[in-house]
Amino acid sequence: DFKNFIADATNFGLSYILLHCKTSREKLLDETKKNVLSYVNKMKKTWTYCGCTTMCDIWEDMIKSISYINFLARSPIYAIFWKAKHEEKVLK
């Protein structure tokens, strides 16, 4: 966690150079993306033997007058948020 990071950096001494926040963010995003893709691929493999249900819901941002359609994929084992789409006008 962050406390341990600060303690370790302090113990290292003044010569420790912190990564730029952009570099840290990119590394964290890349790692998170790999984990999410791994999770999604694992879920997709279960669809062959236990099936998959697709679901959607619609919600409206009244201030911006935009409707959002969320698509989800669910199996008995896993569920994922698949995709979101915004539309200016959605029939209800």
PDB file of N, CA and C in Angstrom:
ATOM      1  N   ASP A   1       0.823  -1.187   0.000  1.00  0.00           N
ATOM      2  CA  ASP A   1       0.000   0.000   0.000  1.00  0.00           C
ATOM      3  C   ASP A   1       0.873   1.259   0.000  1.00  0.00           C
ATOM      4  N   PHE A   2       0.226   2.395  -0.001  1.00  0.00           N
ATOM      5  CA  PHE A   2       0.948   3.659  -0.136  1.00  0.00           C
ATOM      6  C   PHE A   2       1.869   3.931   1.051  1.00  0.00           C
ATOM      7  N   LYS A   3       1.425   3.586   2.265  1.00  0.00           N
ATOM      8  CA  LYS A   3       2.261   3.810   3.454  1.00  0.00           C
ATOM      9  C   LYS A   3       3.567   3.022   3.357  1.00  0.00           C
ATOM     10  N   ASN A   4       3.466   1.775   2.951  1.00  0.00           N
ATOM     11  CA  ASN A   4       4.670   0.945   2.813  1.00  0.00           C
ATOM     12  C   ASN A   4       5.589   1.484   1.729  1.00  0.00           C
ATOM     13  N   PHE A   5       5.005   1.972   0.647  1.00  0.00           N
ATOM     14  CA  PHE A   5       5.799   2.558  -0.425  1.00  0.00           C
ATOM     15  C   PHE A   5       6.601   3.747   0.091  1.00  0.00           C
ATOM     16  N   ILE A   6       5.950   4.640   0.827  1.00  0.00           N
ATOM     17  CA  ILE A   6       6.632   5.819   1.367  1.00  0.00           C
ATOM     18  C   ILE A   6       7.718   5.397   2.348  1.00  0.00           C
ATOM     19  N   ALA A   7       7.419   4.427   3.204  1.00  0.00           N
ATOM     20  CA  ALA A   7       8.418   3.947   4.165  1.00  0.00           C
ATOM     21  C   ALA A   7       9.624   3.365   3.442  1.00  0.00           C
ATOM     22  N   ASP A   8       9.396   2.559   2.415  1.00  0.00           N
ATOM     23  CA  ASP A   8      10.502   1.970   1.656  1.00  0.00           C
ATOM     24  C   ASP A   8      11.310   3.034   0.928  1.00  0.00           C
ATOM     25  N   ALA A   9      10.638   4.011   0.337  1.00  0.00           N
ATOM     26  CA  ALA A   9      11.345   5.087  -0.365  1.00  0.00           C
ATOM     27  C   ALA A   9      12.184   5.897   0.612  1.00  0.00           C
ATOM     28  N   THR A  10      11.651   6.137   1.804  1.00  0.00           N
ATOM     29  CA  THR A  10      12.390   6.879   2.829  1.00  0.00           C
ATOM     30  C   THR A  10      13.609   6.095   3.280  1.00  0.00           C
ATOM     31  N   ASN A  11      13.459   4.795   3.458  1.00  0.00           N
ATOM     32  CA  ASN A  11      14.585   3.953   3.877  1.00  0.00           C
ATOM     33  C   ASN A  11      15.675   3.893   2.813  1.00  0.00           C
ATOM     34  N   PHE A  12      15.289   4.007   1.550  1.00  0.00           N
ATOM     35  CA  PHE A  12      16.257   3.948   0.455  1.00  0.00           C
ATOM     36  C   PHE A  12      17.198   5.141   0.496  1.00  0.00           C
ATOM     37  N   GLY A  13      16.680   6.286   0.878  1.00  0.00           N
ATOM     38  CA  GLY A  13      17.521   7.478   0.999  1.00  0.00           C
ATOM     39  C   GLY A  13      17.188   8.531  -0.038  1.00  0.00           C
ATOM     40  N   LEU A  14      17.980   9.594  -0.024  1.00  0.00           N
ATOM     41  CA  LEU A  14      17.726  10.742  -0.891  1.00  0.00           C
ATOM     42  C   LEU A  14      17.953  10.454  -2.369  1.00  0.00           C
ATOM     43  N   SER A  15      18.680   9.404  -2.680  1.00  0.00           N
ATOM     44  CA  SER A  15      18.973   9.117  -4.089  1.00  0.00           C
ATOM     45  C   SER A  15      17.805   8.432  -4.812  1.00  0.00           C
ATOM     46  N   TYR A  16      16.753   8.089  -4.074  1.00  0.00           N
ATOM     47  CA  TYR A  16      15.599   7.440  -4.695  1.00  0.00           C
ATOM     48  C   TYR A  16      14.882   8.434  -5.599  1.00  0.00           C
ATOM     49  N   ILE A  17      14.610   8.027  -6.839  1.00  0.00           N
ATOM     50  CA  ILE A  17      13.925   8.891  -7.795  1.00  0.00           C
ATOM     51  C   ILE A  17      12.539   8.308  -8.059  1.00  0.00           C
ATOM     52  N   LEU A  18      11.532   9.101  -7.766  1.00  0.00           N
ATOM     53  CA  LEU A  18      10.155   8.663  -8.005  1.00  0.00           C
ATOM     54  C   LEU A  18       9.848   8.651  -9.493  1.00  0.00           C
ATOM     55  N   LEU A  19       9.021   7.713  -9.899  1.00  0.00           N
ATOM     56  CA  LEU A  19       8.546   7.699 -11.276  1.00  0.00           C
ATOM     57  C   LEU A  19       7.609   8.878 -11.496  1.00  0.00           C
ATOM     58  N   HIS A  20       7.571   9.360 -12.702  1.00  0.00           N
ATOM     59  CA  HIS A  20       6.618  10.410 -13.054  1.00  0.00           C
ATOM     60  C   HIS A  20       5.214   9.833 -12.929  1.00  0.00           C
ATOM     61  N   CYS A  21       4.252  10.648 -12.527  1.00  0.00           N
ATOM     62  CA  CYS A  21       2.890  10.137 -12.307  1.00  0.00           C
ATOM     63  C   CYS A  21       2.305   9.526 -13.583  1.00  0.00           C
ATOM     64  N   LYS A  22       2.671  10.062 -14.753  1.00  0.00           N
ATOM     65  CA  LYS A  22       2.167   9.509 -16.013  1.00  0.00           C
ATOM     66  C   LYS A  22       2.686   8.085 -16.212  1.00  0.00           C
ATOM     67  N   THR A  23       3.961   7.871 -15.904  1.00  0.00           N
ATOM     68  CA  THR A  23       4.557   6.540 -16.034  1.00  0.00           C
ATOM     69  C   THR A  23       3.877   5.559 -15.086  1.00  0.00           C
ATOM     70  N   SER A  24       3.678   5.975 -13.844  1.00  0.00           N
ATOM     71  CA  SER A  24       3.013   5.113 -12.864  1.00  0.00           C
ATOM     72  C   SER A  24       1.600   4.778 -13.305  1.00  0.00           C
ATOM     73  N   ARG A  25       0.873   5.786 -13.782  1.00  0.00           N
ATOM     74  CA  ARG A  25      -0.505   5.584 -14.213  1.00  0.00           C
ATOM     75  C   ARG A  25      -0.569   4.615 -15.390  1.00  0.00           C
ATOM     76  N   GLU A  26       0.341   4.798 -16.366  1.00  0.00           N
ATOM     77  CA  GLU A  26       0.335   3.920 -17.537  1.00  0.00           C
ATOM     78  C   GLU A  26       0.631   2.483 -17.151  1.00  0.00           C
ATOM     79  N   LYS A  27       1.593   2.285 -16.250  1.00  0.00           N
ATOM     80  CA  LYS A  27       1.903   0.924 -15.801  1.00  0.00           C
ATOM     81  C   LYS A  27       0.703   0.305 -15.098  1.00  0.00           C
ATOM     82  N   LEU A  28       0.059   1.081 -14.245  1.00  0.00           N
ATOM     83  CA  LEU A  28      -1.099   0.582 -13.519  1.00  0.00           C
ATOM     84  C   LEU A  28      -2.245   0.266 -14.472  1.00  0.00           C
ATOM     85  N   LEU A  29      -2.485   1.136 -15.438  1.00  0.00           N
ATOM     86  CA  LEU A  29      -3.551   0.889 -16.413  1.00  0.00           C
ATOM     87  C   LEU A  29      -3.254  -0.338 -17.271  1.00  0.00           C
ATOM     88  N   ASP A  30      -2.008  -0.486 -17.707  1.00  0.00           N
ATOM     89  CA  ASP A  30      -1.640  -1.655 -18.511  1.00  0.00           C
ATOM     90  C   ASP A  30      -1.859  -2.946 -17.732  1.00  0.00           C
ATOM     91  N   GLU A  31      -1.448  -2.951 -16.469  1.00  0.00           N
ATOM     92  CA  GLU A  31      -1.608  -4.143 -15.642  1.00  0.00           C
ATOM     93  C   GLU A  31      -3.091  -4.444 -15.408  1.00  0.00           C
ATOM     94  N   THR A  32      -3.864  -3.421 -15.146  1.00  0.00           N
ATOM     95  CA  THR A  32      -5.297  -3.600 -14.929  1.00  0.00           C
ATOM     96  C   THR A  32      -5.981  -4.112 -16.190  1.00  0.00           C
ATOM     97  N   LYS A  33      -5.594  -3.574 -17.337  1.00  0.00           N
ATOM     98  CA  LYS A  33      -6.180  -4.024 -18.604  1.00  0.00           C
ATOM     99  C   LYS A  33      -5.892  -5.509 -18.831  1.00  0.00           C
ATOM    100  N   LYS A  34      -4.660  -5.944 -18.562  1.00  0.00           N
ATOM    101  CA  LYS A  34      -4.316  -7.365 -18.709  1.00  0.00           C
ATOM    102  C   LYS A  34      -5.187  -8.228 -17.800  1.00  0.00           C
ATOM    103  N   ASN A  35      -5.377  -7.787 -16.555  1.00  0.00           N
ATOM    104  CA  ASN A  35      -6.194  -8.550 -15.607  1.00  0.00           C
ATOM    105  C   ASN A  35      -7.647  -8.637 -16.058  1.00  0.00           C
ATOM    106  N   VAL A  36      -8.185  -7.542 -16.554  1.00  0.00           N
ATOM    107  CA  VAL A  36      -9.576  -7.532 -17.012  1.00  0.00           C
ATOM    108  C   VAL A  36      -9.742  -8.425 -18.234  1.00  0.00           C
ATOM    109  N   LEU A  37      -8.826  -8.326 -19.198  1.00  0.00           N
ATOM    110  CA  LEU A  37      -8.910  -9.176 -20.390  1.00  0.00           C
ATOM    111  C   LEU A  37      -8.800 -10.650 -20.025  1.00  0.00           C
ATOM    112  N   SER A  38      -7.954 -10.972 -19.071  1.00  0.00           N
ATOM    113  CA  SER A  38      -7.827 -12.350 -18.607  1.00  0.00           C
ATOM    114  C   SER A  38      -9.147 -12.832 -17.996  1.00  0.00           C
ATOM    115  N   TYR A  39      -9.764 -11.994 -17.189  1.00  0.00           N
ATOM    116  CA  TYR A  39     -11.053 -12.312 -16.572  1.00  0.00           C
ATOM    117  C   TYR A  39     -12.124 -12.532 -17.636  1.00  0.00           C
ATOM    118  N   VAL A  40     -12.193 -11.650 -18.614  1.00  0.00           N
ATOM    119  CA  VAL A  40     -13.200 -11.759 -19.675  1.00  0.00           C
ATOM    120  C   VAL A  40     -12.982 -13.027 -20.493  1.00  0.00           C
ATOM    121  N   ASN A  41     -11.749 -13.324 -20.845  1.00  0.00           N
ATOM    122  CA  ASN A  41     -11.462 -14.545 -21.613  1.00  0.00           C
ATOM    123  C   ASN A  41     -11.822 -15.796 -20.823  1.00  0.00           C
ATOM    124  N   LYS A  42     -11.560 -15.771 -19.520  1.00  0.00           N
ATOM    125  CA  LYS A  42     -11.920 -16.898 -18.663  1.00  0.00           C
ATOM    126  C   LYS A  42     -13.440 -17.089 -18.662  1.00  0.00           C
ATOM    127  N   MET A  43     -14.158 -15.980 -18.589  1.00  0.00           N
ATOM    128  CA  MET A  43     -15.612 -16.051 -18.595  1.00  0.00           C
ATOM    129  C   MET A  43     -16.148 -16.568 -19.921  1.00  0.00           C
ATOM    130  N   LYS A  44     -15.592 -16.073 -21.023  1.00  0.00           N
ATOM    131  CA  LYS A  44     -16.057 -16.498 -22.350  1.00  0.00           C
ATOM    132  C   LYS A  44     -15.937 -18.007 -22.527  1.00  0.00           C
ATOM    133  N   LYS A  45     -14.893 -18.599 -21.977  1.00  0.00           N
ATOM    134  CA  LYS A  45     -14.694 -20.044 -22.105  1.00  0.00           C
ATOM    135  C   LYS A  45     -15.804 -20.826 -21.413  1.00  0.00           C
ATOM    136  N   THR A  46     -16.396 -20.270 -20.364  1.00  0.00           N
ATOM    137  CA  THR A  46     -17.466 -20.984 -19.655  1.00  0.00           C
ATOM    138  C   THR A  46     -18.770 -20.979 -20.438  1.00  0.00           C
ATOM    139  N   TRP A  47     -18.916 -20.069 -21.382  1.00  0.00           N
ATOM    140  CA  TRP A  47     -20.159 -19.968 -22.142  1.00  0.00           C
ATOM    141  C   TRP A  47     -20.448 -21.236 -22.937  1.00  0.00           C
ATOM    142  N   THR A  48     -19.416 -21.967 -23.362  1.00  0.00           N
ATOM    143  CA  THR A  48     -19.632 -23.155 -24.186  1.00  0.00           C
ATOM    144  C   THR A  48     -20.346 -24.268 -23.421  1.00  0.00           C
ATOM    145  N   TYR A  49     -20.145 -24.348 -22.108  1.00  0.00           N
ATOM    146  CA  TYR A  49     -20.787 -25.431 -21.371  1.00  0.00           C
ATOM    147  C   TYR A  49     -21.890 -24.971 -20.412  1.00  0.00           C
ATOM    148  N   CYS A  50     -21.994 -23.696 -20.122  1.00  0.00           N
ATOM    149  CA  CYS A  50     -23.079 -23.280 -19.221  1.00  0.00           C
ATOM    150  C   CYS A  50     -23.942 -22.165 -19.798  1.00  0.00           C
ATOM    151  N   GLY A  51     -23.633 -21.724 -21.013  1.00  0.00           N
ATOM    152  CA  GLY A  51     -24.463 -20.716 -21.660  1.00  0.00           C
ATOM    153  C   GLY A  51     -24.175 -19.298 -21.196  1.00  0.00           C
ATOM    154  N   CYS A  52     -24.882 -18.380 -21.821  1.00  0.00           N
ATOM    155  CA  CYS A  52     -24.685 -16.965 -21.531  1.00  0.00           C
ATOM    156  C   CYS A  52     -25.997 -16.223 -21.762  1.00  0.00           C
ATOM    157  N   THR A  53     -26.292 -15.298 -20.912  1.00  0.00           N
ATOM    158  CA  THR A  53     -27.461 -14.443 -21.070  1.00  0.00           C
ATOM    159  C   THR A  53     -26.977 -13.019 -21.299  1.00  0.00           C
ATOM    160  N   THR A  54     -27.520 -12.369 -22.316  1.00  0.00           N
ATOM    161  CA  THR A  54     -27.187 -10.961 -22.515  1.00  0.00           C
ATOM    162  C   THR A  54     -28.316 -10.116 -21.940  1.00  0.00           C
ATOM    163  N   MET A  55     -27.935  -9.068 -21.274  1.00  0.00           N
ATOM    164  CA  MET A  55     -28.907  -8.184 -20.641  1.00  0.00           C
ATOM    165  C   MET A  55     -28.564  -6.750 -21.006  1.00  0.00           C
ATOM    166  N   CYS A  56     -29.549  -5.890 -20.911  1.00  0.00           N
ATOM    167  CA  CYS A  56     -29.270  -4.472 -21.100  1.00  0.00           C
ATOM    168  C   CYS A  56     -30.187  -3.655 -20.208  1.00  0.00           C
ATOM    169  N   ASP A  57     -29.741  -2.481 -19.891  1.00  0.00           N
ATOM    170  CA  ASP A  57     -30.595  -1.529 -19.205  1.00  0.00           C
ATOM    171  C   ASP A  57     -30.347  -0.149 -19.801  1.00  0.00           C
ATOM    172  N   ILE A  58     -31.308   0.698 -19.624  1.00  0.00           N
ATOM    173  CA  ILE A  58     -31.229   2.050 -20.173  1.00  0.00           C
ATOM    174  C   ILE A  58     -31.423   3.035 -19.025  1.00  0.00           C
ATOM    175  N   TRP A  59     -30.571   4.027 -18.989  1.00  0.00           N
ATOM    176  CA  TRP A  59     -30.807   5.111 -18.039  1.00  0.00           C
ATOM    177  C   TRP A  59     -30.570   6.430 -18.744  1.00  0.00           C
ATOM    178  N   GLU A  60     -31.197   7.449 -18.224  1.00  0.00           N
ATOM    179  CA  GLU A  60     -31.183   8.731 -18.910  1.00  0.00           C
ATOM    180  C   GLU A  60     -30.552   9.807 -18.035  1.00  0.00           C
ATOM    181  N   ASP A  61     -29.654  10.566 -18.636  1.00  0.00           N
ATOM    182  CA  ASP A  61     -29.078  11.738 -17.990  1.00  0.00           C
ATOM    183  C   ASP A  61     -29.990  12.908 -18.339  1.00  0.00           C
ATOM    184  N   MET A  62     -30.807  13.311 -17.386  1.00  0.00           N
ATOM    185  CA  MET A  62     -31.808  14.353 -17.644  1.00  0.00           C
ATOM    186  C   MET A  62     -31.161  15.708 -17.938  1.00  0.00           C
ATOM    187  N   ILE A  63     -30.006  15.966 -17.365  1.00  0.00           N
ATOM    188  CA  ILE A  63     -29.347  17.261 -17.567  1.00  0.00           C
ATOM    189  C   ILE A  63     -28.812  17.374 -18.988  1.00  0.00           C
ATOM    190  N   LYS A  64     -28.148  16.325 -19.453  1.00  0.00           N
ATOM    191  CA  LYS A  64     -27.553  16.350 -20.795  1.00  0.00           C
ATOM    192  C   LYS A  64     -28.502  15.841 -21.873  1.00  0.00           C
ATOM    193  N   SER A  65     -29.641  15.334 -21.478  1.00  0.00           N
ATOM    194  CA  SER A  65     -30.627  14.757 -22.407  1.00  0.00           C
ATOM    195  C   SER A  65     -30.021  13.654 -23.278  1.00  0.00           C
ATOM    196  N   ILE A  66     -29.269  12.787 -22.638  1.00  0.00           N
ATOM    197  CA  ILE A  66     -28.654  11.652 -23.326  1.00  0.00           C
ATOM    198  C   ILE A  66     -29.078  10.373 -22.610  1.00  0.00           C
ATOM    199  N   SER A  67     -29.410   9.364 -23.380  1.00  0.00           N
ATOM    200  CA  SER A  67     -29.717   8.055 -22.815  1.00  0.00           C
ATOM    201  C   SER A  67     -28.513   7.143 -22.980  1.00  0.00           C
ATOM    202  N   TYR A  68     -28.277   6.327 -21.976  1.00  0.00           N
ATOM    203  CA  TYR A  68     -27.181   5.363 -22.008  1.00  0.00           C
ATOM    204  C   TYR A  68     -27.760   3.962 -21.997  1.00  0.00           C
ATOM    205  N   ILE A  69     -27.250   3.124 -22.867  1.00  0.00           N
ATOM    206  CA  ILE A  69     -27.656   1.727 -22.910  1.00  0.00           C
ATOM    207  C   ILE A  69     -26.449   0.905 -22.468  1.00  0.00           C
ATOM    208  N   ASN A  70     -26.619   0.150 -21.397  1.00  0.00           N
ATOM    209  CA  ASN A  70     -25.555  -0.710 -20.888  1.00  0.00           C
ATOM    210  C   ASN A  70     -25.852  -2.151 -21.278  1.00  0.00           C
ATOM    211  N   PHE A  71     -24.858  -2.827 -21.820  1.00  0.00           N
ATOM    212  CA  PHE A  71     -24.988  -4.234 -22.192  1.00  0.00           C
ATOM    213  C   PHE A  71     -24.124  -5.066 -21.258  1.00  0.00           C
ATOM    214  N   LEU A  72     -24.697  -6.144 -20.752  1.00  0.00           N
ATOM    215  CA  LEU A  72     -23.992  -7.033 -19.842  1.00  0.00           C
ATOM    216  C   LEU A  72     -24.101  -8.464 -20.338  1.00  0.00           C
ATOM    217  N   ALA A  73     -23.112  -9.260 -20.026  1.00  0.00           N
ATOM    218  CA  ALA A  73     -23.136 -10.690 -20.342  1.00  0.00           C
ATOM    219  C   ALA A  73     -23.037 -11.444 -19.018  1.00  0.00           C
ATOM    220  N   ARG A  74     -23.927 -12.406 -18.827  1.00  0.00           N
ATOM    221  CA  ARG A  74     -23.959 -13.130 -17.565  1.00  0.00           C
ATOM    222  C   ARG A  74     -24.059 -14.620 -17.811  1.00  0.00           C
ATOM    223  N   SER A  75     -23.260 -15.352 -17.066  1.00  0.00           N
ATOM    224  CA  SER A  75     -23.372 -16.803 -17.030  1.00  0.00           C
ATOM    225  C   SER A  75     -23.580 -17.169 -15.561  1.00  0.00           C
ATOM    226  N   PRO A  76     -23.878 -18.433 -15.257  1.00  0.00           N
ATOM    227  CA  PRO A  76     -24.038 -18.806 -13.846  1.00  0.00           C
ATOM    228  C   PRO A  76     -22.758 -18.601 -13.025  1.00  0.00           C
ATOM    229  N   ILE A  77     -21.628 -18.515 -13.711  1.00  0.00           N
ATOM    230  CA  ILE A  77     -20.353 -18.405 -13.006  1.00  0.00           C
ATOM    231  C   ILE A  77     -19.864 -16.962 -12.908  1.00  0.00           C
ATOM    232  N   TYR A  78     -19.958 -16.210 -13.998  1.00  0.00           N
ATOM    233  CA  TYR A  78     -19.410 -14.855 -14.056  1.00  0.00           C
ATOM    234  C   TYR A  78     -20.404 -13.889 -14.684  1.00  0.00           C
ATOM    235  N   ALA A  79     -20.186 -12.621 -14.409  1.00  0.00           N
ATOM    236  CA  ALA A  79     -20.945 -11.562 -15.086  1.00  0.00           C
ATOM    237  C   ALA A  79     -19.976 -10.442 -15.433  1.00  0.00           C
ATOM    238  N   ILE A  80     -20.173  -9.842 -16.601  1.00  0.00           N
ATOM    239  CA  ILE A  80     -19.317  -8.724 -16.987  1.00  0.00           C
ATOM    240  C   ILE A  80     -20.148  -7.616 -17.614  1.00  0.00           C
ATOM    241  N   PHE A  81     -19.654  -6.419 -17.457  1.00  0.00           N
ATOM    242  CA  PHE A  81     -20.181  -5.268 -18.175  1.00  0.00           C
ATOM    243  C   PHE A  81     -19.541  -5.336 -19.547  1.00  0.00           C
ATOM    244  N   TRP A  82     -20.350  -5.468 -20.591  1.00  0.00           N
ATOM    245  CA  TRP A  82     -19.813  -5.709 -21.928  1.00  0.00           C
ATOM    246  C   TRP A  82     -19.555  -4.425 -22.692  1.00  0.00           C
ATOM    247  N   LYS A  83     -20.543  -3.534 -22.701  1.00  0.00           N
ATOM    248  CA  LYS A  83     -20.420  -2.355 -23.548  1.00  0.00           C
ATOM    249  C   LYS A  83     -21.441  -1.306 -23.108  1.00  0.00           C
ATOM    250  N   ALA A  84     -21.124  -0.061 -23.358  1.00  0.00           N
ATOM    251  CA  ALA A  84     -22.080   1.027 -23.124  1.00  0.00           C
ATOM    252  C   ALA A  84     -22.191   1.847 -24.395  1.00  0.00           C
ATOM    253  N   LYS A  85     -23.364   2.341 -24.624  1.00  0.00           N
ATOM    254  CA  LYS A  85     -23.578   3.170 -25.799  1.00  0.00           C
ATOM    255  C   LYS A  85     -24.494   4.308 -25.396  1.00  0.00           C
ATOM    256  N   HIS A  86     -24.204   5.499 -25.879  1.00  0.00           N
ATOM    257  CA  HIS A  86     -25.126   6.594 -25.583  1.00  0.00           C
ATOM    258  C   HIS A  86     -25.847   7.002 -26.855  1.00  0.00           C
ATOM    259  N   GLU A  87     -27.087   7.344 -26.664  1.00  0.00           N
ATOM    260  CA  GLU A  87     -27.959   7.716 -27.771  1.00  0.00           C
ATOM    261  C   GLU A  87     -28.657   9.020 -27.425  1.00  0.00           C
ATOM    262  N   GLU A  88     -28.850   9.832 -28.437  1.00  0.00           N
ATOM    263  CA  GLU A  88     -29.580  11.087 -28.216  1.00  0.00           C
ATOM    264  C   GLU A  88     -31.054  10.812 -27.935  1.00  0.00           C
ATOM    265  N   LYS A  89     -31.623   9.858 -28.655  1.00  0.00           N
ATOM    266  CA  LYS A  89     -33.032   9.521 -28.468  1.00  0.00           C
ATOM    267  C   LYS A  89     -33.163   8.008 -28.392  1.00  0.00           C
ATOM    268  N   VAL A  90     -33.815   7.526 -27.356  1.00  0.00           N
ATOM    269  CA  VAL A  90     -34.041   6.096 -27.192  1.00  0.00           C
ATOM    270  C   VAL A  90     -35.531   5.874 -27.007  1.00  0.00           C
ATOM    271  N   LEU A  91     -36.075   4.945 -27.780  1.00  0.00           N
ATOM    272  CA  LEU A  91     -37.483   4.585 -27.617  1.00  0.00           C
ATOM    273  C   LEU A  91     -37.632   3.751 -26.361  1.00  0.00           C
ATOM    274  N   LYS A  92     -38.674   4.009 -25.613  1.00  0.00           N
ATOM    275  CA  LYS A  92     -38.884   3.242 -24.379  1.00  0.00           C
ATOM    276  C   LYS A  92     -40.053   2.313 -24.530  1.00  0.00           C
TER     277      LYS A  92
END
